[in-house]
Amino acid sequence: VVRQLRRATTPAATAELAEEARVAVGADIGLALSNFPYGDSALGPPGEIHVAIVGLPGAGTVSFPFTGHPEILQPRAVKQALNFLRLQLTRQTSRPDAPLGN
């Protein structure tokens, strides 16, 4: 289920979005991405996209630079979010005390 529950532009708001999505569908784990920081990267530093996972011990929010060609930004962000989830699930089964993101 994919839906935007509210505008998420900060790590904290993205974590709230993940929790609301988790509860809304009755899932054990919630995953959310912040809104894409569209803008002209030539005018300043690139924005960040935030990815939040809730429902896993030790999981949380990470941020990635949002750079690249406009046609690949959204698929790239989704792949980064799914990879972060994969890493957290792997950590849960092999090393539950490992730091977030490793």
Protein backbone atom coordinates (compact mmCIF):
# COMPACT_ATOMS: atom_id res chain seq x y z
CA VAL A 1 0.00 0.00 0.00
CA VAL A 2 1.43 3.35 -1.02
CA ARG A 3 -0.13 6.60 0.01
CA GLN A 4 0.96 9.96 1.25
CA LEU A 5 -0.47 10.54 4.70
CA ARG A 6 1.03 14.01 5.00
CA ARG A 7 3.94 16.04 3.78
CA ALA A 8 7.21 14.66 5.16
CA THR A 9 10.23 16.90 4.78
CA THR A 10 12.27 16.13 7.92
CA PRO A 11 13.61 12.90 9.42
CA ALA A 12 11.13 13.16 12.32
CA ALA A 13 8.14 13.73 10.01
CA THR A 14 9.27 10.80 7.85
CA ALA A 15 9.42 8.54 10.93
CA GLU A 16 5.89 9.63 11.88
CA LEU A 17 4.75 8.84 8.34
CA ALA A 18 6.28 5.35 8.57
CA GLU A 19 4.49 4.72 11.88
CA GLU A 20 1.16 5.96 10.53
CA ALA A 21 1.52 3.76 7.44
CA ARG A 22 2.45 0.74 9.59
CA VAL A 23 -0.60 1.20 11.80
CA ALA A 24 -2.92 1.96 8.86
CA VAL A 25 -2.24 -1.38 7.19
CA GLY A 26 -1.66 -3.41 10.37
CA ALA A 27 1.95 -4.26 9.44
CA ASP A 28 4.82 -5.17 11.74
CA ILE A 29 7.23 -2.84 9.93
CA GLY A 30 6.68 0.60 8.43
CA LEU A 31 8.85 2.17 5.72
CA ALA A 32 8.54 5.76 4.49
CA LEU A 33 10.42 8.16 2.24
CA SER A 34 10.32 11.91 2.63
CA ASN A 35 9.07 14.12 -0.16
CA PHE A 36 11.58 14.58 -2.93
CA PRO A 37 13.48 17.87 -2.59
CA TYR A 38 12.94 19.07 -6.15
CA GLY A 39 15.03 22.04 -7.04
CA ASP A 40 17.85 23.23 -9.21
CA SER A 41 21.03 21.66 -7.87
CA ALA A 42 23.04 24.21 -9.86
CA LEU A 43 21.73 26.90 -7.52
CA GLY A 44 22.87 25.29 -4.30
CA PRO A 45 23.74 22.09 -2.49
CA PRO A 46 21.62 19.03 -3.23
CA GLY A 47 18.72 18.29 -0.96
CA GLU A 48 18.37 15.14 1.08
CA ILE A 49 15.81 12.41 1.06
CA HIS A 50 14.98 10.79 4.39
CA VAL A 51 14.12 7.11 4.81
CA ALA A 52 12.48 5.87 8.00
CA ILE A 53 11.86 2.36 9.28
CA VAL A 54 9.73 1.65 12.33
CA GLY A 55 8.90 -1.64 14.00
CA LEU A 56 12.42 -3.08 14.06
CA PRO A 57 14.56 -2.76 17.19
CA GLY A 58 17.34 -0.26 16.56
CA ALA A 59 15.96 0.92 13.21
CA GLY A 60 15.39 4.59 12.60
CA THR A 61 15.92 7.24 9.95
CA VAL A 62 18.77 7.81 7.53
CA SER A 63 19.30 10.57 4.98
CA PHE A 64 20.80 10.37 1.51
CA PRO A 65 21.88 13.16 -0.86
CA PHE A 66 19.30 13.62 -3.58
CA THR A 67 21.46 14.03 -6.68
CA GLY A 68 21.46 12.72 -10.21
CA HIS A 69 19.56 13.05 -13.43
CA PRO A 70 15.87 13.93 -12.82
CA GLU A 71 14.64 10.81 -14.63
CA ILE A 72 16.38 8.46 -12.19
CA LEU A 73 15.87 10.29 -8.90
CA GLN A 74 12.64 8.64 -7.78
CA PRO A 75 13.63 5.05 -8.73
CA ARG A 76 17.04 5.61 -7.13
CA ALA A 77 15.47 6.85 -3.88
CA VAL A 78 13.14 3.84 -3.74
CA LYS A 79 16.08 1.47 -4.30
CA GLN A 80 18.03 3.17 -1.51
CA ALA A 81 15.04 2.82 0.83
CA LEU A 82 14.57 -0.86 0.02
CA ASN A 83 18.30 -1.48 0.46
CA PHE A 84 18.19 0.22 3.87
CA LEU A 85 15.29 -2.06 4.83
CA ARG A 86 17.21 -5.10 3.56
CA LEU A 87 20.25 -4.12 5.62
CA GLN A 88 18.14 -3.64 8.74
CA LEU A 89 16.41 -7.01 8.29
CA THR A 90 19.77 -8.71 7.75
CA ARG A 91 21.15 -7.01 10.85
CA GLN A 92 18.17 -8.21 12.87
CA THR A 93 18.80 -11.83 11.94
CA SER A 94 22.59 -11.84 12.16
CA ARG A 95 23.80 -9.04 14.47
CA PRO A 96 21.03 -7.40 16.49
CA ASP A 97 23.49 -5.06 18.28
CA ALA A 98 25.04 -3.65 15.07
CA PRO A 99 24.78 0.11 14.62
CA LEU A 100 22.06 1.56 12.40
CA GLY A 101 22.86 1.46 8.69
CA ASN A 102 25.61 -1.18 8.89
